[in-house]
């Protein structure tokens, strides 16, 4: 298998529009739009207004939108508002949440 490919958007980036990444995307940016990727990681400075679709999502920043992902991890620095639809969910103590969650098989 090829080396893992990462797309990285730093905190000085602002995007209006949808993002699609085949592999992994790391976000510390402001995004207004939906994001679709195999693996999504957001950091503390990220602010996303839109929906996320992925196999794996690790959230550490702000998100207003819905998530559909096999595996969701919410870090203590996250502020999440929306509906989560996942197979597995882990939440660190201290995360700021306003969510509804549904588990699927």
N, C-alpha and C. Protein backbone atom coordinates (compact mmCIF):
# COMPACT_ATOMS: atom_id res chain seq x y z
N UNK A 1 0.83 -1.19 0.00
CA UNK A 1 0.00 0.00 0.00
C UNK A 1 0.88 1.25 0.00
N UNK A 2 0.41 2.28 -0.66
CA UNK A 2 1.16 3.53 -0.72
C UNK A 2 1.24 4.18 0.66
N UNK A 3 2.20 5.08 0.81
CA UNK A 3 2.29 5.86 2.05
C UNK A 3 1.00 6.66 2.22
N UNK A 4 0.62 6.87 3.49
CA UNK A 4 -0.58 7.63 3.77
C UNK A 4 -0.42 9.06 3.26
N UNK A 5 -1.48 9.55 2.61
CA UNK A 5 -1.45 10.92 2.07
C UNK A 5 -2.33 11.80 2.94
N UNK A 6 -1.79 12.96 3.33
CA UNK A 6 -2.52 13.91 4.17
C UNK A 6 -2.66 15.24 3.46
N UNK A 7 -3.85 15.83 3.54
CA UNK A 7 -4.05 17.21 3.13
C UNK A 7 -4.21 18.00 4.42
N UNK A 8 -3.49 19.11 4.55
CA UNK A 8 -3.50 19.89 5.78
C UNK A 8 -3.90 21.33 5.46
N UNK A 9 -4.91 21.83 6.19
CA UNK A 9 -5.33 23.22 6.05
C UNK A 9 -5.12 23.89 7.41
N UNK A 10 -4.23 24.90 7.44
CA UNK A 10 -3.85 25.56 8.69
C UNK A 10 -4.83 26.67 9.07
N UNK A 11 -4.63 27.27 10.23
CA UNK A 11 -5.58 28.21 10.81
C UNK A 11 -5.74 29.51 10.01
N UNK A 12 -4.83 29.82 9.10
CA UNK A 12 -4.97 31.04 8.31
C UNK A 12 -5.80 30.82 7.05
N UNK A 13 -6.40 29.64 6.89
CA UNK A 13 -7.19 29.31 5.70
C UNK A 13 -8.68 29.45 6.01
N UNK A 14 -9.40 30.06 5.05
CA UNK A 14 -10.86 30.17 5.12
C UNK A 14 -11.43 29.70 3.80
N UNK A 15 -12.36 28.75 3.85
CA UNK A 15 -12.93 28.20 2.62
C UNK A 15 -14.45 28.22 2.71
N UNK A 16 -15.08 28.73 1.65
CA UNK A 16 -16.53 28.62 1.49
C UNK A 16 -16.75 27.67 0.34
N UNK A 17 -17.34 26.53 0.64
CA UNK A 17 -17.59 25.51 -0.38
C UNK A 17 -17.29 24.13 0.17
N UNK A 18 -17.70 23.12 -0.56
CA UNK A 18 -17.52 21.75 -0.09
C UNK A 18 -16.11 21.25 -0.36
N UNK A 19 -15.62 20.38 0.55
CA UNK A 19 -14.30 19.76 0.40
C UNK A 19 -14.46 18.27 0.22
N UNK A 20 -13.73 17.70 -0.72
CA UNK A 20 -13.70 16.25 -0.91
C UNK A 20 -12.24 15.83 -0.96
N UNK A 21 -11.87 14.88 -0.10
CA UNK A 21 -10.50 14.36 -0.04
C UNK A 21 -10.59 12.84 -0.03
N UNK A 22 -9.81 12.19 -0.89
CA UNK A 22 -9.85 10.73 -0.99
C UNK A 22 -9.29 10.05 0.26
N UNK A 23 -8.24 10.59 0.83
CA UNK A 23 -7.56 9.95 1.95
C UNK A 23 -7.85 10.70 3.26
N UNK A 24 -6.82 11.32 3.83
CA UNK A 24 -6.93 11.99 5.14
C UNK A 24 -6.81 13.50 4.99
N UNK A 25 -7.63 14.21 5.76
CA UNK A 25 -7.55 15.66 5.79
C UNK A 25 -7.43 16.12 7.25
N UNK A 26 -6.51 17.05 7.49
CA UNK A 26 -6.27 17.62 8.82
C UNK A 26 -6.64 19.10 8.74
N UNK A 27 -7.56 19.52 9.61
CA UNK A 27 -8.09 20.88 9.54
C UNK A 27 -7.83 21.66 10.81
N UNK A 28 -7.33 22.87 10.63
CA UNK A 28 -7.23 23.85 11.71
C UNK A 28 -7.75 25.17 11.17
N UNK A 29 -8.63 25.07 10.17
CA UNK A 29 -9.09 26.21 9.38
C UNK A 29 -10.57 26.48 9.63
N UNK A 30 -11.06 27.56 9.00
CA UNK A 30 -12.49 27.87 9.02
C UNK A 30 -13.08 27.41 7.70
N UNK A 31 -14.09 26.54 7.79
CA UNK A 31 -14.72 25.98 6.60
C UNK A 31 -16.23 26.20 6.69
N UNK A 32 -16.81 26.74 5.65
CA UNK A 32 -18.26 26.83 5.54
C UNK A 32 -18.64 25.97 4.34
N UNK A 33 -19.09 24.75 4.63
CA UNK A 33 -19.42 23.79 3.58
C UNK A 33 -19.26 22.38 4.09
N UNK A 34 -19.72 21.43 3.31
CA UNK A 34 -19.63 20.03 3.71
C UNK A 34 -18.25 19.45 3.41
N UNK A 35 -17.86 18.46 4.23
CA UNK A 35 -16.54 17.83 4.07
C UNK A 35 -16.74 16.32 3.96
N UNK A 36 -16.09 15.74 2.95
CA UNK A 36 -16.15 14.30 2.76
C UNK A 36 -14.72 13.80 2.59
N UNK A 37 -14.32 12.81 3.43
CA UNK A 37 -12.98 12.25 3.36
C UNK A 37 -12.97 10.89 4.05
N UNK A 38 -11.96 10.11 3.80
CA UNK A 38 -11.79 8.82 4.46
C UNK A 38 -11.55 9.03 5.96
N UNK A 39 -10.67 9.99 6.30
CA UNK A 39 -10.26 10.24 7.68
C UNK A 39 -10.16 11.76 7.87
N UNK A 40 -10.89 12.29 8.84
CA UNK A 40 -10.90 13.73 9.09
C UNK A 40 -10.46 13.99 10.53
N UNK A 41 -9.48 14.90 10.68
CA UNK A 41 -9.04 15.33 12.00
C UNK A 41 -9.16 16.84 12.06
N UNK A 42 -9.85 17.35 13.10
CA UNK A 42 -9.91 18.80 13.28
C UNK A 42 -9.18 19.17 14.56
N UNK A 43 -8.52 20.33 14.53
CA UNK A 43 -7.77 20.81 15.68
C UNK A 43 -8.50 21.97 16.35
N UNK A 44 -7.96 22.43 17.45
CA UNK A 44 -8.62 23.38 18.33
C UNK A 44 -9.05 24.68 17.63
N UNK A 45 -8.28 25.17 16.66
CA UNK A 45 -8.63 26.42 15.97
C UNK A 45 -9.63 26.25 14.84
N UNK A 46 -9.97 25.02 14.51
CA UNK A 46 -10.89 24.81 13.39
C UNK A 46 -12.30 25.25 13.77
N UNK A 47 -13.02 25.74 12.77
CA UNK A 47 -14.41 26.14 12.94
C UNK A 47 -15.13 25.74 11.67
N UNK A 48 -15.96 24.72 11.76
CA UNK A 48 -16.63 24.18 10.59
C UNK A 48 -18.13 24.37 10.72
N UNK A 49 -18.72 24.93 9.68
CA UNK A 49 -20.17 25.02 9.58
C UNK A 49 -20.55 24.21 8.36
N UNK A 50 -21.03 23.01 8.60
CA UNK A 50 -21.37 22.10 7.52
C UNK A 50 -21.36 20.67 8.02
N UNK A 51 -21.66 19.74 7.15
CA UNK A 51 -21.75 18.33 7.51
C UNK A 51 -20.46 17.60 7.17
N UNK A 52 -20.17 16.54 7.95
CA UNK A 52 -18.99 15.72 7.73
C UNK A 52 -19.42 14.29 7.42
N UNK A 53 -18.83 13.72 6.38
CA UNK A 53 -19.03 12.31 6.05
C UNK A 53 -17.65 11.68 5.93
N UNK A 54 -17.42 10.59 6.71
CA UNK A 54 -16.11 9.94 6.70
C UNK A 54 -16.22 8.54 7.28
N UNK A 55 -15.11 7.81 7.21
CA UNK A 55 -15.03 6.52 7.91
C UNK A 55 -14.54 6.75 9.34
N UNK A 56 -13.67 7.77 9.52
CA UNK A 56 -13.09 8.07 10.82
C UNK A 56 -13.03 9.59 10.99
N UNK A 57 -13.53 10.08 12.14
CA UNK A 57 -13.50 11.52 12.42
C UNK A 57 -12.99 11.75 13.84
N UNK A 58 -12.01 12.61 13.98
CA UNK A 58 -11.49 13.01 15.28
C UNK A 58 -11.65 14.53 15.38
N UNK A 59 -12.48 14.98 16.31
CA UNK A 59 -12.84 16.38 16.38
C UNK A 59 -12.21 17.06 17.59
N UNK A 60 -11.56 18.20 17.34
CA UNK A 60 -10.93 18.95 18.41
C UNK A 60 -11.29 20.42 18.39
N UNK A 61 -12.08 20.84 17.41
CA UNK A 61 -12.44 22.24 17.27
C UNK A 61 -13.94 22.42 17.21
N UNK A 62 -14.38 23.55 16.65
CA UNK A 62 -15.80 23.85 16.56
C UNK A 62 -16.44 23.22 15.34
N UNK A 63 -17.65 22.71 15.53
CA UNK A 63 -18.43 22.14 14.43
C UNK A 63 -19.90 22.40 14.66
N UNK A 64 -20.55 23.01 13.67
CA UNK A 64 -22.00 23.15 13.65
C UNK A 64 -22.46 22.41 12.41
N UNK A 65 -22.97 21.20 12.62
CA UNK A 65 -23.42 20.38 11.50
C UNK A 65 -23.52 18.94 11.93
N UNK A 66 -23.90 18.10 11.00
CA UNK A 66 -24.10 16.69 11.27
C UNK A 66 -22.89 15.88 10.84
N UNK A 67 -22.68 14.74 11.51
CA UNK A 67 -21.56 13.85 11.18
C UNK A 67 -22.09 12.46 10.91
N UNK A 68 -21.66 11.88 9.81
CA UNK A 68 -21.92 10.46 9.55
C UNK A 68 -20.55 9.82 9.36
N UNK A 69 -20.18 8.97 10.33
CA UNK A 69 -18.85 8.37 10.33
C UNK A 69 -18.90 7.05 11.07
N UNK A 70 -18.12 6.06 10.62
CA UNK A 70 -18.06 4.78 11.33
C UNK A 70 -17.52 4.97 12.75
N UNK A 71 -16.48 5.79 12.88
CA UNK A 71 -15.83 5.98 14.17
C UNK A 71 -15.66 7.48 14.44
N UNK A 72 -16.27 7.95 15.53
CA UNK A 72 -16.17 9.37 15.89
C UNK A 72 -15.48 9.47 17.25
N UNK A 73 -14.47 10.33 17.31
CA UNK A 73 -13.78 10.62 18.57
C UNK A 73 -13.89 12.13 18.78
N UNK A 74 -14.40 12.52 19.96
CA UNK A 74 -14.54 13.94 20.29
C UNK A 74 -13.57 14.26 21.42
N UNK A 75 -12.63 15.14 21.13
CA UNK A 75 -11.61 15.54 22.11
C UNK A 75 -12.15 16.60 23.06
N UNK A 76 -11.46 16.80 24.17
CA UNK A 76 -11.92 17.73 25.20
C UNK A 76 -11.98 19.17 24.71
N UNK A 77 -11.22 19.53 23.66
CA UNK A 77 -11.21 20.90 23.15
C UNK A 77 -12.35 21.16 22.16
N UNK A 78 -13.13 20.14 21.84
CA UNK A 78 -14.18 20.27 20.82
C UNK A 78 -15.42 20.98 21.33
N UNK A 79 -16.07 21.67 20.40
CA UNK A 79 -17.39 22.28 20.64
C UNK A 79 -18.26 21.84 19.47
N UNK A 80 -19.16 20.89 19.72
CA UNK A 80 -19.91 20.25 18.64
C UNK A 80 -21.41 20.46 18.84
N UNK A 81 -22.07 20.85 17.76
CA UNK A 81 -23.52 21.03 17.77
C UNK A 81 -24.08 20.37 16.52
N UNK A 82 -24.90 19.32 16.72
CA UNK A 82 -25.50 18.65 15.57
C UNK A 82 -25.88 17.21 15.87
N UNK A 83 -26.17 16.47 14.82
CA UNK A 83 -26.57 15.06 14.93
C UNK A 83 -25.39 14.19 14.53
N UNK A 84 -25.06 13.21 15.39
CA UNK A 84 -23.98 12.27 15.11
C UNK A 84 -24.59 10.92 14.76
N UNK A 85 -24.11 10.32 13.66
CA UNK A 85 -24.56 9.01 13.24
C UNK A 85 -23.32 8.18 13.05
N UNK A 86 -23.12 7.13 13.89
CA UNK A 86 -21.85 6.44 13.92
C UNK A 86 -22.00 4.98 14.36
N UNK A 87 -20.93 4.20 14.14
CA UNK A 87 -20.84 2.84 14.69
C UNK A 87 -20.27 2.91 16.10
N UNK A 88 -19.17 3.67 16.29
CA UNK A 88 -18.56 3.83 17.61
C UNK A 88 -18.33 5.31 17.90
N UNK A 89 -18.47 5.67 19.18
CA UNK A 89 -18.33 7.06 19.60
C UNK A 89 -17.54 7.10 20.90
N UNK A 90 -16.51 7.98 20.95
CA UNK A 90 -15.80 8.21 22.21
C UNK A 90 -15.72 9.72 22.43
N UNK A 91 -15.94 10.10 23.69
CA UNK A 91 -15.97 11.52 24.06
C UNK A 91 -15.08 11.74 25.27
N UNK A 92 -14.12 12.68 25.14
CA UNK A 92 -13.27 13.03 26.27
C UNK A 92 -14.02 13.98 27.19
N UNK A 93 -13.77 13.86 28.47
CA UNK A 93 -14.36 14.76 29.46
C UNK A 93 -13.92 16.19 29.17
N UNK A 94 -14.88 17.11 29.21
CA UNK A 94 -14.58 18.51 28.98
C UNK A 94 -15.08 19.04 27.65
N UNK A 95 -15.47 18.16 26.74
CA UNK A 95 -15.99 18.59 25.44
C UNK A 95 -17.32 19.32 25.64
N UNK A 96 -17.55 20.34 24.83
CA UNK A 96 -18.77 21.14 24.88
C UNK A 96 -19.70 20.60 23.79
N UNK A 97 -20.80 19.95 24.20
CA UNK A 97 -21.65 19.26 23.23
C UNK A 97 -23.11 19.69 23.32
N UNK A 98 -23.72 19.80 22.14
CA UNK A 98 -25.16 19.99 22.00
C UNK A 98 -25.54 19.07 20.85
N UNK A 99 -25.71 17.76 21.16
CA UNK A 99 -25.82 16.76 20.12
C UNK A 99 -26.98 15.80 20.33
N UNK A 100 -27.34 15.15 19.22
CA UNK A 100 -28.20 13.98 19.23
C UNK A 100 -27.35 12.91 18.55
N UNK A 101 -27.38 11.68 19.08
CA UNK A 101 -26.53 10.65 18.49
C UNK A 101 -27.33 9.38 18.19
N UNK A 102 -27.00 8.74 17.08
CA UNK A 102 -27.61 7.49 16.66
C UNK A 102 -26.51 6.53 16.27
N UNK A 103 -26.59 5.30 16.78
CA UNK A 103 -25.59 4.28 16.46
C UNK A 103 -26.17 3.34 15.43
N UNK A 104 -25.37 3.00 14.41
CA UNK A 104 -25.78 2.01 13.43
C UNK A 104 -24.82 0.85 13.44
N UNK A 105 -25.21 -0.27 12.86
CA UNK A 105 -24.37 -1.47 12.84
C UNK A 105 -23.63 -1.59 11.53
